[in-house]
Amino acid sequence: AQSQTPASVTQAGAPRALKGPFTVVSASVFRWRNETFQMSDIRAPRASTGSCAYERLRGREARKALRRNLARGDVVVTPTGRVSALGYKLVRVTARGRDVRRAMIDAGVVLPRRPGQPSNPWCL
């Protein structure tokens, strides 16, 4: 886990343009240089540690979708001012002006985060 929240995370709304390469860790987490980011407000299936085969399959598909979206170029991250449970900076992400969260939801590979969702919607 990472230490205290860096000062840059508290600056919600300050967009930053990032040039690849990116390392995609999971369907919602990626690294750029020495920073790790997590897309905010989505539920993403886990590719490696999923609770069932279906979740792991969906997790691999979602991870590929994030990789494709980031490869489009012109990536901008906007910090939300929040940090995930694992200490990652929660961000909104656009690639070539398109909201990556919305693109992945529209593609059906992740779900929007909503209160009252089942703990694991992929392995019911």
C-alpha atoms as a PDB file:
ATOM      1  CA  ALA A   1       0.000   0.000   0.000  1.00  0.00           C
ATOM      2  CA  GLN A   2       1.150   3.534  -0.644  1.00  0.00           C
ATOM      3  CA  SER A   3       1.775   6.080   2.081  1.00  0.00           C
ATOM      4  CA  GLN A   4      -0.164   9.267   2.758  1.00  0.00           C
ATOM      5  CA  THR A   5      -2.142  10.941  -0.002  1.00  0.00           C
ATOM      6  CA  PRO A   6       0.179  13.073  -2.169  1.00  0.00           C
ATOM      7  CA  ALA A   7      -0.660  16.767  -2.384  1.00  0.00           C
ATOM      8  CA  SER A   8      -1.458  16.459  -6.107  1.00  0.00           C
ATOM      9  CA  VAL A   9      -4.358  14.126  -5.340  1.00  0.00           C
ATOM     10  CA  THR A  10      -6.141  16.797  -3.307  1.00  0.00           C
ATOM     11  CA  GLN A  11      -6.233  19.074  -6.356  1.00  0.00           C
ATOM     12  CA  ALA A  12      -9.470  17.732  -7.784  1.00  0.00           C
ATOM     13  CA  GLY A  13     -10.200  18.998 -11.247  1.00  0.00           C
ATOM     14  CA  ALA A  14      -6.618  19.808 -12.335  1.00  0.00           C
ATOM     15  CA  PRO A  15      -6.321  17.824 -15.600  1.00  0.00           C
ATOM     16  CA  ARG A  16      -2.943  16.428 -16.674  1.00  0.00           C
ATOM     17  CA  ALA A  17      -2.012  15.270 -20.165  1.00  0.00           C
ATOM     18  CA  LEU A  18       0.005  12.031 -20.092  1.00  0.00           C
ATOM     19  CA  LYS A  19       2.067  10.541 -22.896  1.00  0.00           C
ATOM     20  CA  GLY A  20       2.444   6.742 -22.923  1.00  0.00           C
ATOM     21  CA  PRO A  21       3.628   4.184 -22.469  1.00  0.00           C
ATOM     22  CA  PHE A  22       1.141   2.976 -19.896  1.00  0.00           C
ATOM     23  CA  THR A  23       1.171  -0.284 -17.981  1.00  0.00           C
ATOM     24  CA  VAL A  24      -2.339  -1.661 -17.573  1.00  0.00           C
ATOM     25  CA  VAL A  25      -2.551  -3.516 -14.268  1.00  0.00           C
ATOM     26  CA  SER A  26      -6.245  -4.393 -14.282  1.00  0.00           C
ATOM     27  CA  ALA A  27      -9.507  -3.303 -15.874  1.00  0.00           C
ATOM     28  CA  SER A  28      -9.481  -0.087 -13.850  1.00  0.00           C
ATOM     29  CA  VAL A  29      -5.843   0.430 -12.743  1.00  0.00           C
ATOM     30  CA  PHE A  30      -2.896   1.621 -14.817  1.00  0.00           C
ATOM     31  CA  ARG A  31       0.597   2.952 -14.231  1.00  0.00           C
ATOM     32  CA  TRP A  32       2.360   5.836 -15.876  1.00  0.00           C
ATOM     33  CA  ARG A  33       5.997   6.364 -14.939  1.00  0.00           C
ATOM     34  CA  ASN A  34       6.032   6.014 -11.134  1.00  0.00           C
ATOM     35  CA  GLU A  35       2.350   6.816 -10.547  1.00  0.00           C
ATOM     36  CA  THR A  36      -0.579   4.429 -10.263  1.00  0.00           C
ATOM     37  CA  PHE A  37      -4.091   5.557 -11.163  1.00  0.00           C
ATOM     38  CA  GLN A  38      -7.499   3.957 -10.790  1.00  0.00           C
ATOM     39  CA  MET A  39     -10.507   5.017 -12.839  1.00  0.00           C
ATOM     40  CA  SER A  40     -13.226   6.354 -10.572  1.00  0.00           C
ATOM     41  CA  ASP A  41     -16.846   5.281 -10.291  1.00  0.00           C
ATOM     42  CA  ILE A  42     -16.700   1.910 -12.053  1.00  0.00           C
ATOM     43  CA  ARG A  43     -17.031  -1.729 -11.014  1.00  0.00           C
ATOM     44  CA  ALA A  44     -14.484  -3.788 -12.905  1.00  0.00           C
ATOM     45  CA  PRO A  45     -14.189  -7.580 -13.019  1.00  0.00           C
ATOM     46  CA  ARG A  46     -10.895  -9.035 -11.775  1.00  0.00           C
ATOM     47  CA  ALA A  47      -8.818 -10.918 -14.357  1.00  0.00           C
ATOM     48  CA  SER A  48      -6.470 -12.782 -12.002  1.00  0.00           C
ATOM     49  CA  THR A  49      -8.239 -13.006  -8.676  1.00  0.00           C
ATOM     50  CA  GLY A  50     -11.869 -13.187  -9.816  1.00  0.00           C
ATOM     51  CA  SER A  51     -14.216 -15.356  -7.776  1.00  0.00           C
ATOM     52  CA  CYS A  52     -15.380 -17.414 -10.776  1.00  0.00           C
ATOM     53  CA  ALA A  53     -14.248 -18.280 -14.297  1.00  0.00           C
ATOM     54  CA  TYR A  54     -16.747 -15.846 -15.813  1.00  0.00           C
ATOM     55  CA  GLU A  55     -15.378 -12.916 -13.800  1.00  0.00           C
ATOM     56  CA  ARG A  56     -11.790 -13.790 -14.772  1.00  0.00           C
ATOM     57  CA  LEU A  57     -12.778 -13.973 -18.456  1.00  0.00           C
ATOM     58  CA  ARG A  58     -14.612 -10.640 -18.252  1.00  0.00           C
ATOM     59  CA  GLY A  59     -11.655  -9.167 -16.367  1.00  0.00           C
ATOM     60  CA  ARG A  60      -9.269 -10.073 -19.188  1.00  0.00           C
ATOM     61  CA  GLU A  61     -11.652  -8.520 -21.727  1.00  0.00           C
ATOM     62  CA  ALA A  62     -11.962  -5.349 -19.646  1.00  0.00           C
ATOM     63  CA  ARG A  63      -8.187  -5.089 -19.177  1.00  0.00           C
ATOM     64  CA  LYS A  64      -7.734  -5.317 -22.976  1.00  0.00           C
ATOM     65  CA  ALA A  65     -10.399  -2.629 -23.449  1.00  0.00           C
ATOM     66  CA  LEU A  66      -8.566  -0.260 -21.080  1.00  0.00           C
ATOM     67  CA  ARG A  67      -5.289  -0.956 -22.925  1.00  0.00           C
ATOM     68  CA  ARG A  68      -6.975  -0.163 -26.286  1.00  0.00           C
ATOM     69  CA  ASN A  69      -8.512   3.052 -24.934  1.00  0.00           C
ATOM     70  CA  LEU A  70      -5.208   4.310 -23.527  1.00  0.00           C
ATOM     71  CA  ALA A  71      -3.430   3.432 -26.793  1.00  0.00           C
ATOM     72  CA  ARG A  72      -5.678   5.890 -28.664  1.00  0.00           C
ATOM     73  CA  GLY A  73      -3.409   8.678 -27.406  1.00  0.00           C
ATOM     74  CA  ASP A  74      -4.038  12.179 -26.059  1.00  0.00           C
ATOM     75  CA  VAL A  75      -4.712  10.753 -22.577  1.00  0.00           C
ATOM     76  CA  VAL A  76      -5.804  13.226 -19.905  1.00  0.00           C
ATOM     77  CA  VAL A  77      -6.335  12.289 -16.250  1.00  0.00           C
ATOM     78  CA  THR A  78      -8.308  14.496 -13.901  1.00  0.00           C
ATOM     79  CA  PRO A  79      -7.843  13.725 -10.193  1.00  0.00           C
ATOM     80  CA  THR A  80     -11.062  13.419  -8.200  1.00  0.00           C
ATOM     81  CA  GLY A  81      -9.330  14.264  -4.928  1.00  0.00           C
ATOM     82  CA  ARG A  82     -10.057  10.747  -3.648  1.00  0.00           C
ATOM     83  CA  VAL A  83      -7.851   7.708  -3.146  1.00  0.00           C
ATOM     84  CA  SER A  84      -8.932   4.063  -3.591  1.00  0.00           C
ATOM     85  CA  ALA A  85      -8.876   1.508  -0.780  1.00  0.00           C
ATOM     86  CA  LEU A  86      -5.507   0.345  -2.164  1.00  0.00           C
ATOM     87  CA  GLY A  87      -4.061   3.869  -2.120  1.00  0.00           C
ATOM     88  CA  TYR A  88      -4.348   4.589  -5.844  1.00  0.00           C
ATOM     89  CA  LYS A  89      -5.263   8.059  -7.098  1.00  0.00           C
ATOM     90  CA  LEU A  90      -8.866   7.980  -8.331  1.00  0.00           C
ATOM     91  CA  VAL A  91      -9.120   9.793 -11.652  1.00  0.00           C
ATOM     92  CA  ARG A  92     -11.398  10.507 -14.567  1.00  0.00           C
ATOM     93  CA  VAL A  93      -9.710   9.561 -17.845  1.00  0.00           C
ATOM     94  CA  THR A  94     -10.204  10.748 -21.400  1.00  0.00           C
ATOM     95  CA  ALA A  95      -8.425   9.511 -24.532  1.00  0.00           C
ATOM     96  CA  ARG A  96      -8.680  11.691 -27.626  1.00  0.00           C
ATOM     97  CA  GLY A  97     -11.415  13.624 -25.854  1.00  0.00           C
ATOM     98  CA  ARG A  98     -13.585  10.551 -25.171  1.00  0.00           C
ATOM     99  CA  ASP A  99     -14.489   9.563 -21.606  1.00  0.00           C
ATOM    100  CA  VAL A 100     -12.809   6.174 -21.104  1.00  0.00           C
ATOM    101  CA  ARG A 101     -15.220   5.223 -18.293  1.00  0.00           C
ATOM    102  CA  ARG A 102     -18.221   5.811 -20.561  1.00  0.00           C
ATOM    103  CA  ALA A 103     -16.549   3.952 -23.468  1.00  0.00           C
ATOM    104  CA  MET A 104     -15.910   0.905 -21.275  1.00  0.00           C
ATOM    105  CA  ILE A 105     -19.442   0.956 -19.827  1.00  0.00           C
ATOM    106  CA  ASP A 106     -20.885   1.297 -23.346  1.00  0.00           C
ATOM    107  CA  ALA A 107     -18.723  -1.663 -24.461  1.00  0.00           C
ATOM    108  CA  GLY A 108     -20.189  -3.712 -21.596  1.00  0.00           C
ATOM    109  CA  VAL A 109     -16.841  -4.582 -20.007  1.00  0.00           C
ATOM    110  CA  VAL A 110     -17.328  -2.645 -16.724  1.00  0.00           C
ATOM    111  CA  LEU A 111     -20.319  -1.407 -14.747  1.00  0.00           C
ATOM    112  CA  PRO A 112     -21.016   2.018 -13.274  1.00  0.00           C
ATOM    113  CA  ARG A 113     -20.511   2.043  -9.502  1.00  0.00           C
ATOM    114  CA  ARG A 114     -23.872   2.415  -7.765  1.00  0.00           C
ATOM    115  CA  PRO A 115     -24.935   2.038  -4.154  1.00  0.00           C
ATOM    116  CA  GLY A 116     -26.637  -1.251  -3.347  1.00  0.00           C
ATOM    117  CA  GLN A 117     -25.009  -3.307  -6.113  1.00  0.00           C
ATOM    118  CA  PRO A 118     -24.282  -6.943  -5.354  1.00  0.00           C
ATOM    119  CA  SER A 119     -20.757  -7.433  -4.054  1.00  0.00           C
ATOM    120  CA  ASN A 120     -19.844  -9.445  -7.164  1.00  0.00           C
ATOM    121  CA  PRO A 121     -22.265  -9.021 -10.071  1.00  0.00           C
ATOM    122  CA  TRP A 122     -20.260 -11.444 -12.260  1.00  0.00           C
ATOM    123  CA  CYS A 123     -20.490 -14.504 -10.004  1.00  0.00           C
ATOM    124  CA  LEU A 124     -24.092 -14.567  -8.764  1.00  0.00           C
END
